């Protein structure tokens, strides 16, 4: 059977129809794929937002926890420091009297303003009218503590003029100490007082002569 022009035309029309249908189907699939991509992107953005919110909450909780821990550490340090000072002060008069310094009474936590600005604080000051023993209390004694305390002693008479005519001695009281720090205390002419249990004792040799400021 011979193929007529009409048959060819019908074939082209049918092919065109099929191509259009395929094109439309492909376009719908692309649109569906694009919609899915957009939905996926939206979900990723939502997930990212949730992660950022979670991170923010965790950071806030961490900061709040750090503040509480710091507050507890300060409270513990403060209370422990007061306990150490109380322990040392309780034995201090007798310890110094045994070393030939007839102390009459003690003052704790002496604070004030430095003439050039800034603040000063001395843990314990023992005095008898002529002699003054200044005690720095440390839970753990380190070399830098000794250096800082010596600097404070060098300025004490300028900071507290009422002691300008007194003979000043220094002492460092501690619970534990670096070996080098303890040796430095004695070498620099300071009394070394170790807190032990419920009492305190001077570690210097009986023949030790303290430096006077």
Protein backbone atom coordinates (compact mmCIF):
# COMPACT_ATOMS: atom_id res chain seq x y z
CA UNK A 1 0.00 0.00 0.00
CA UNK A 2 1.45 3.32 -1.06
CA UNK A 3 2.15 5.98 1.54
CA UNK A 4 0.26 9.11 0.79
CA UNK A 5 1.02 12.69 1.70
CA UNK A 6 -1.79 12.55 4.22
CA UNK A 7 -0.20 9.54 5.93
CA UNK A 8 3.11 11.37 6.21
CA UNK A 9 1.38 14.44 7.57
CA UNK A 10 -0.46 12.36 10.13
CA UNK A 11 2.81 10.71 11.13
CA UNK A 12 4.49 14.09 11.64
CA UNK A 13 1.52 15.33 13.64
CA UNK A 14 1.51 12.23 15.82
CA UNK A 15 5.28 12.52 16.35
CA UNK A 16 4.87 16.18 17.23
CA UNK A 17 2.10 15.32 19.67
CA UNK A 18 4.20 12.66 21.34
CA UNK A 19 7.18 15.01 21.57
CA UNK A 20 5.00 17.70 23.14
CA UNK A 21 3.61 15.19 25.64
CA UNK A 22 7.12 14.03 26.52
CA UNK A 23 8.24 17.64 26.77
CA UNK A 24 5.33 18.45 29.07
CA UNK A 25 6.04 15.37 31.18
CA UNK A 26 9.71 16.28 31.36
CA UNK A 27 8.80 19.84 32.30
CA UNK A 28 6.45 18.59 35.02
CA UNK A 29 9.21 16.31 36.32
CA UNK A 30 11.66 19.22 36.35
CA UNK A 31 9.12 21.35 38.17
CA UNK A 32 8.49 18.56 40.68
CA UNK A 33 12.23 18.06 41.13
CA UNK A 34 12.69 21.80 41.61
CA UNK A 35 9.86 21.83 44.15
CA UNK A 36 11.50 18.95 46.02
CA UNK A 37 14.84 20.76 45.95
CA UNK A 38 13.18 23.90 47.32
CA UNK A 39 11.46 21.84 50.02
CA UNK A 40 14.74 20.16 50.88
CA UNK A 41 16.47 23.54 51.01
CA UNK A 42 13.72 24.85 53.28
CA UNK A 43 14.16 21.85 55.57
CA UNK A 44 17.93 22.38 55.60
CA UNK A 45 17.42 26.04 56.49
CA UNK A 46 14.98 25.05 59.24
CA UNK A 47 17.44 22.45 60.52
CA UNK A 48 20.24 25.01 60.44
CA UNK A 49 18.05 27.49 62.33
CA UNK A 50 17.32 24.83 64.95
CA UNK A 51 21.05 24.02 65.23
CA UNK A 52 21.85 27.71 65.68
CA UNK A 53 19.11 28.03 68.31
CA UNK A 54 20.39 24.93 70.10
CA UNK A 55 23.94 26.28 69.97
CA UNK A 56 22.74 29.60 71.39
CA UNK A 57 20.89 27.87 74.23
CA UNK A 58 23.88 25.65 75.00
CA UNK A 59 26.17 28.69 75.01
CA UNK A 60 23.84 30.54 77.38
CA UNK A 61 23.62 27.49 79.65
CA UNK A 62 27.40 27.10 79.55
CA UNK A 63 27.90 30.77 80.45
CA UNK A 64 25.38 30.48 83.28
CA UNK A 65 27.11 27.34 84.54
CA UNK A 66 30.53 29.03 84.33
CA UNK A 67 29.19 31.98 86.35
CA UNK A 68 27.85 29.63 89.02
CA UNK A 69 31.13 27.70 89.15
CA UNK A 70 33.14 30.94 89.39
CA UNK A 71 30.87 32.18 92.15
CA UNK A 72 31.27 28.91 94.04
CA UNK A 73 35.06 29.00 93.54
CA UNK A 74 35.21 32.56 94.87
CA UNK A 75 33.03 31.61 97.82
CA UNK A 76 35.15 28.55 98.55
CA UNK A 77 38.39 30.52 98.19
CA UNK A 78 37.07 33.30 100.41
CA UNK A 79 35.81 30.95 103.11
CA UNK A 80 38.93 28.79 102.96
CA UNK A 81 41.10 31.90 103.18
CA UNK A 82 39.20 33.08 106.26
CA UNK A 83 39.59 29.64 107.84
CA UNK A 84 43.34 29.71 107.17
CA UNK A 85 43.65 33.21 108.59
CA UNK A 86 41.68 32.21 111.68
CA UNK A 87 43.88 29.15 112.18
CA UNK A 88 47.10 31.14 111.87
CA UNK A 89 45.86 34.08 113.94
CA UNK A 90 44.86 31.76 116.78
CA UNK A 91 48.47 30.62 117.29
CA UNK A 92 50.27 33.73 116.04
CA UNK A 93 50.69 35.63 119.30
CA UNK A 94 52.20 32.63 121.11
CA UNK A 95 54.42 31.75 118.15
CA UNK A 96 55.87 35.26 117.95
CA UNK A 97 56.27 35.61 121.71
CA UNK A 98 58.33 32.40 121.61
CA UNK A 99 60.54 34.12 119.04
CA UNK A 100 61.08 37.13 121.27
CA UNK A 101 58.48 39.45 119.70
CA UNK A 102 56.03 40.34 122.47
CA UNK A 103 52.90 40.84 120.40
CA UNK A 104 49.95 42.40 122.19
CA UNK A 105 47.12 41.95 119.67
CA UNK A 106 46.28 41.33 116.03
CA UNK A 107 44.24 42.89 113.25
CA UNK A 108 42.87 40.96 110.28
CA UNK A 109 41.99 42.03 106.75
CA UNK A 110 43.45 45.52 106.97
CA UNK A 111 42.39 47.34 103.80
CA UNK A 112 42.93 50.83 102.48
CA UNK A 113 43.73 53.11 99.56
CA UNK A 114 47.25 53.55 98.27
CA UNK A 115 48.38 57.21 98.09
CA UNK A 116 49.08 56.92 94.37
CA UNK A 117 45.82 55.10 93.63
CA UNK A 118 44.79 51.49 93.93
CA UNK A 119 44.00 49.41 96.99
CA UNK A 120 46.02 47.42 99.49
CA UNK A 121 45.07 44.58 101.82
CA UNK A 122 47.05 42.78 104.51
CA UNK A 123 45.73 39.49 105.88
CA UNK A 124 46.99 39.74 109.46
CA UNK A 125 48.90 42.48 111.28
CA UNK A 126 50.26 41.73 114.75
CA UNK A 127 51.61 44.65 116.80
CA UNK A 128 52.83 45.72 120.21
CA UNK A 129 53.33 49.46 119.77
CA UNK A 130 56.92 49.23 118.56
CA UNK A 131 57.07 46.11 116.42
CA UNK A 132 54.68 45.03 113.71
CA UNK A 133 54.53 41.59 112.10
CA UNK A 134 52.66 41.49 108.80
CA UNK A 135 51.40 38.04 107.80
CA UNK A 136 50.37 37.01 104.29
CA UNK A 137 48.28 33.81 104.25
CA UNK A 138 48.38 31.45 101.26
CA UNK A 139 46.84 28.02 100.79
CA UNK A 140 49.62 27.14 98.34
CA UNK A 141 52.76 29.25 98.53
CA UNK A 142 54.61 29.98 95.29
CA UNK A 143 57.68 32.12 94.46
CA UNK A 144 55.56 34.87 92.87
CA UNK A 145 53.59 35.14 96.13
CA UNK A 146 56.83 35.83 97.98
CA UNK A 147 57.92 38.48 95.46
CA UNK A 148 54.54 40.23 95.60
CA UNK A 149 54.52 40.22 99.40
CA UNK A 150 58.03 41.67 99.59
CA UNK A 151 56.88 44.48 97.29
CA UNK A 152 53.93 45.17 99.61
CA UNK A 153 56.28 45.32 102.61
CA UNK A 154 58.50 47.80 100.77
CA UNK A 155 55.48 50.14 100.39
CA UNK A 156 53.76 49.49 103.72
CA UNK A 157 55.09 52.55 105.56
CA UNK A 158 54.06 54.81 102.69
CA UNK A 159 50.62 53.23 102.52
CA UNK A 160 50.04 53.19 106.28
CA UNK A 161 51.84 56.22 107.78
CA UNK A 162 50.93 55.28 111.39
CA UNK A 163 53.44 52.43 111.10
CA UNK A 164 56.20 54.69 109.71
CA UNK A 165 58.15 54.65 113.00
CA UNK A 166 57.59 50.96 113.77
CA UNK A 167 59.97 48.10 113.10
CA UNK A 168 58.23 45.91 110.51
CA UNK A 169 58.71 42.16 110.11
CA UNK A 170 57.13 39.95 107.48
CA UNK A 171 55.72 36.43 107.70
CA UNK A 172 54.14 34.10 105.19
CA UNK A 173 51.71 31.44 106.40
CA UNK A 174 50.88 28.50 104.17
CA UNK A 175 49.30 25.07 104.03
CA UNK A 176 51.44 23.70 101.20
CA UNK A 177 54.43 25.31 99.51
CA UNK A 178 56.75 24.92 96.56
CA UNK A 179 60.17 23.99 97.91
CA UNK A 180 61.74 26.99 96.19
CA UNK A 181 59.10 29.32 97.63
CA UNK A 182 59.64 28.15 101.20
CA UNK A 183 63.42 28.55 100.82
CA UNK A 184 62.88 32.04 99.36
CA UNK A 185 60.75 33.07 102.34
CA UNK A 186 63.49 32.23 104.82
CA UNK A 187 66.31 33.57 102.62
CA UNK A 188 64.56 36.96 102.32
CA UNK A 189 64.26 37.27 106.09
CA UNK A 190 60.59 36.39 106.47
CA UNK A 191 59.01 34.12 109.04
CA UNK A 192 57.70 30.91 107.46
CA UNK A 193 54.57 29.69 109.23
CA UNK A 194 53.09 26.34 108.27
CA UNK A 195 49.46 25.57 109.07
CA UNK A 196 49.17 21.94 110.14
CA UNK A 197 45.82 20.41 111.02
CA UNK A 198 44.35 22.60 113.74
CA UNK A 199 47.50 24.57 114.59
CA UNK A 200 50.42 26.46 113.08
CA UNK A 201 54.17 26.43 113.59
CA UNK A 202 57.14 28.58 112.57
CA UNK A 203 59.49 26.66 110.28
CA UNK A 204 62.52 28.95 110.63
CA UNK A 205 65.58 27.79 112.53
CA UNK A 206 65.53 28.92 116.22
CA UNK A 207 68.56 31.11 115.49
CA UNK A 208 66.81 32.83 112.59
CA UNK A 209 66.92 36.64 112.63
CA UNK A 210 64.07 38.27 110.67
CA UNK A 211 64.67 41.20 108.35
CA UNK A 212 63.26 44.50 109.56
CA UNK A 213 61.64 47.12 107.33
